Amino acid sequence: MSSSPCIAYCTCPDTDCAQRIAATLVNQGLAACVSLLPGALSCYRWEGQVCQDAEVLLMIKTTQARLRELEARILEEHPYEVPEFIVVPVIAGSERYLEWIDTCTASS
């Protein structure tokens, strides 16, 4: 593998937004796969208030080599003023699956 695999997390306000962002990321080769997990209930502090909202969680399978471009695209496409963008490394996984992620996200 040429780049370390990782998973980025991002929440979206609704399914339409989540599907649009997911398709953009996969179409542009910034992610190999984006899993949309509806039904997330987020409790957070925003502008001094405690808020609670239903959201759709994106689980974005990518590589560290694509993170800057991935974050830039999410910031560009996302309706939130401060969208969630948290990345965790993948420490192990199926070799074939990890190779697939690397192939799908290889820069052209």
C-alpha atoms as a PDB file:
ATOM      1  CA  MET A   1       0.000   0.000   0.000  1.00  0.00           C
ATOM      2  CA  SER A   2       1.268   3.470  -0.813  1.00  0.00           C
ATOM      3  CA  SER A   3      -0.763   5.349   1.803  1.00  0.00           C
ATOM      4  CA  SER A   4      -2.094   4.560   5.254  1.00  0.00           C
ATOM      5  CA  PRO A   5      -5.838   3.879   5.373  1.00  0.00           C
ATOM      6  CA  CYS A   6      -8.034   5.910   7.683  1.00  0.00           C
ATOM      7  CA  ILE A   7     -11.677   6.648   8.400  1.00  0.00           C
ATOM      8  CA  ALA A   8     -12.999  10.189   8.501  1.00  0.00           C
ATOM      9  CA  TYR A   9     -16.240  10.993  10.267  1.00  0.00           C
ATOM     10  CA  CYS A  10     -18.598  13.786   9.315  1.00  0.00           C
ATOM     11  CA  THR A  11     -22.214  14.444  10.298  1.00  0.00           C
ATOM     12  CA  CYS A  12     -24.814  15.905   7.946  1.00  0.00           C
ATOM     13  CA  PRO A  13     -28.184  17.503   8.710  1.00  0.00           C
ATOM     14  CA  ASP A  14     -30.200  15.150   6.474  1.00  0.00           C
ATOM     15  CA  THR A  15     -30.063  12.264   4.003  1.00  0.00           C
ATOM     16  CA  ASP A  16     -30.060  14.467   0.883  1.00  0.00           C
ATOM     17  CA  CYS A  17     -27.001  16.375   2.077  1.00  0.00           C
ATOM     18  CA  ALA A  18     -25.254  13.157   3.151  1.00  0.00           C
ATOM     19  CA  GLN A  19     -25.920  11.444  -0.203  1.00  0.00           C
ATOM     20  CA  ARG A  20     -24.733  14.473  -2.170  1.00  0.00           C
ATOM     21  CA  ILE A  21     -21.481  14.779  -0.210  1.00  0.00           C
ATOM     22  CA  ALA A  22     -20.857  11.014  -0.278  1.00  0.00           C
ATOM     23  CA  ALA A  23     -21.327  10.833  -4.059  1.00  0.00           C
ATOM     24  CA  THR A  24     -19.018  13.816  -4.584  1.00  0.00           C
ATOM     25  CA  LEU A  25     -16.261  12.274  -2.454  1.00  0.00           C
ATOM     26  CA  VAL A  26     -16.438   8.894  -4.206  1.00  0.00           C
ATOM     27  CA  ASN A  27     -16.774  10.401  -7.707  1.00  0.00           C
ATOM     28  CA  GLN A  28     -13.696  12.551  -7.134  1.00  0.00           C
ATOM     29  CA  GLY A  29     -11.624   9.655  -5.785  1.00  0.00           C
ATOM     30  CA  LEU A  30     -11.309  11.230  -2.354  1.00  0.00           C
ATOM     31  CA  ALA A  31     -13.005   8.225  -0.750  1.00  0.00           C
ATOM     32  CA  ALA A  32     -13.290   4.583  -1.747  1.00  0.00           C
ATOM     33  CA  CYS A  33     -16.563   4.208   0.128  1.00  0.00           C
ATOM     34  CA  VAL A  34     -18.808   6.352   2.292  1.00  0.00           C
ATOM     35  CA  SER A  35     -21.253   4.614   4.610  1.00  0.00           C
ATOM     36  CA  LEU A  36     -24.285   6.703   5.543  1.00  0.00           C
ATOM     37  CA  LEU A  37     -25.605   5.956   9.016  1.00  0.00           C
ATOM     38  CA  PRO A  38     -28.965   7.692   9.513  1.00  0.00           C
ATOM     39  CA  GLY A  39     -30.574   8.047  12.909  1.00  0.00           C
ATOM     40  CA  ALA A  40     -27.667   9.614  14.756  1.00  0.00           C
ATOM     41  CA  LEU A  41     -28.789  11.897  17.559  1.00  0.00           C
ATOM     42  CA  SER A  42     -26.159  14.502  18.328  1.00  0.00           C
ATOM     43  CA  CYS A  43     -26.053  16.492  21.556  1.00  0.00           C
ATOM     44  CA  TYR A  44     -23.598  19.388  21.336  1.00  0.00           C
ATOM     45  CA  ARG A  45     -22.840  22.893  22.526  1.00  0.00           C
ATOM     46  CA  TRP A  46     -23.184  25.665  19.938  1.00  0.00           C
ATOM     47  CA  GLU A  47     -23.077  29.404  20.577  1.00  0.00           C
ATOM     48  CA  GLY A  48     -23.582  28.919  24.325  1.00  0.00           C
ATOM     49  CA  GLN A  49     -26.598  26.619  23.944  1.00  0.00           C
ATOM     50  CA  VAL A  50     -26.895  22.872  24.372  1.00  0.00           C
ATOM     51  CA  CYS A  51     -28.522  21.549  21.196  1.00  0.00           C
ATOM     52  CA  GLN A  52     -29.825  18.170  20.143  1.00  0.00           C
ATOM     53  CA  ASP A  53     -30.418  17.250  16.511  1.00  0.00           C
ATOM     54  CA  ALA A  54     -31.005  14.224  14.315  1.00  0.00           C
ATOM     55  CA  GLU A  55     -28.146  13.796  11.843  1.00  0.00           C
ATOM     56  CA  VAL A  56     -26.699  11.348   9.323  1.00  0.00           C
ATOM     57  CA  LEU A  57     -23.179  10.148  10.120  1.00  0.00           C
ATOM     58  CA  LEU A  58     -20.775   9.659   7.223  1.00  0.00           C
ATOM     59  CA  MET A  59     -18.072   7.013   7.680  1.00  0.00           C
ATOM     60  CA  ILE A  60     -15.579   7.891   4.959  1.00  0.00           C
ATOM     61  CA  LYS A  61     -13.000   5.250   3.986  1.00  0.00           C
ATOM     62  CA  THR A  62      -9.935   6.947   2.533  1.00  0.00           C
ATOM     63  CA  THR A  63      -6.170   7.301   2.904  1.00  0.00           C
ATOM     64  CA  GLN A  64      -4.013   9.796   4.723  1.00  0.00           C
ATOM     65  CA  ALA A  65      -2.665  10.991   1.376  1.00  0.00           C
ATOM     66  CA  ARG A  66      -6.133  12.323   0.438  1.00  0.00           C
ATOM     67  CA  LEU A  67      -7.042  13.976   3.755  1.00  0.00           C
ATOM     68  CA  ARG A  68      -6.268  17.590   2.852  1.00  0.00           C
ATOM     69  CA  GLU A  69      -8.296  17.424  -0.350  1.00  0.00           C
ATOM     70  CA  LEU A  70     -11.064  15.510   1.419  1.00  0.00           C
ATOM     71  CA  GLU A  71     -11.363  18.084   4.185  1.00  0.00           C
ATOM     72  CA  ALA A  72     -11.306  20.953   1.687  1.00  0.00           C
ATOM     73  CA  ARG A  73     -14.121  19.365  -0.344  1.00  0.00           C
ATOM     74  CA  ILE A  74     -16.238  18.736   2.771  1.00  0.00           C
ATOM     75  CA  LEU A  75     -15.762  22.340   3.907  1.00  0.00           C
ATOM     76  CA  GLU A  76     -16.776  23.506   0.433  1.00  0.00           C
ATOM     77  CA  GLU A  77     -19.866  21.271   0.119  1.00  0.00           C
ATOM     78  CA  HIS A  78     -21.171  21.208   3.692  1.00  0.00           C
ATOM     79  CA  PRO A  79     -23.968  23.513   4.912  1.00  0.00           C
ATOM     80  CA  TYR A  80     -22.695  23.728   8.518  1.00  0.00           C
ATOM     81  CA  GLU A  81     -20.540  26.657   9.570  1.00  0.00           C
ATOM     82  CA  VAL A  82     -18.230  24.198  11.365  1.00  0.00           C
ATOM     83  CA  PRO A  83     -18.755  20.678   9.981  1.00  0.00           C
ATOM     84  CA  GLU A  84     -17.430  17.719  11.906  1.00  0.00           C
ATOM     85  CA  PHE A  85     -14.248  16.321  10.399  1.00  0.00           C
ATOM     86  CA  ILE A  86     -12.522  13.769  12.613  1.00  0.00           C
ATOM     87  CA  VAL A  87     -10.063  11.180  11.328  1.00  0.00           C
ATOM     88  CA  VAL A  88      -8.959   7.922  12.931  1.00  0.00           C
ATOM     89  CA  PRO A  89      -6.264   5.582  11.600  1.00  0.00           C
ATOM     90  CA  VAL A  90      -7.048   2.041  10.530  1.00  0.00           C
ATOM     91  CA  ILE A  91      -4.633  -0.173  12.443  1.00  0.00           C
ATOM     92  CA  ALA A  92      -5.674  -3.465  10.832  1.00  0.00           C
ATOM     93  CA  GLY A  93      -8.051  -4.845   8.242  1.00  0.00           C
ATOM     94  CA  SER A  94      -8.497  -7.240   5.380  1.00  0.00           C
ATOM     95  CA  GLU A  95      -5.482  -6.816   3.112  1.00  0.00           C
ATOM     96  CA  ARG A  96      -7.647  -6.943  -0.030  1.00  0.00           C
ATOM     97  CA  TYR A  97     -10.054  -4.321   1.354  1.00  0.00           C
ATOM     98  CA  LEU A  98      -7.231  -1.982   2.380  1.00  0.00           C
ATOM     99  CA  GLU A  99      -5.620  -2.383  -1.052  1.00  0.00           C
ATOM    100  CA  TRP A 100      -8.996  -1.561  -2.641  1.00  0.00           C
ATOM    101  CA  ILE A 101      -9.208   1.668  -0.602  1.00  0.00           C
ATOM    102  CA  ASP A 102      -5.699   2.581  -1.742  1.00  0.00           C
ATOM    103  CA  THR A 103      -6.502   1.849  -5.392  1.00  0.00           C
ATOM    104  CA  CYS A 104      -9.757   3.814  -5.357  1.00  0.00           C
ATOM    105  CA  THR A 105      -8.178   6.884  -3.781  1.00  0.00           C
ATOM    106  CA  ALA A 106      -4.884   6.916  -5.687  1.00  0.00           C
ATOM    107  CA  SER A 107      -4.238  10.356  -7.136  1.00  0.00           C
ATOM    108  CA  SER A 108      -4.470  10.440 -10.911  1.00  0.00           C
END
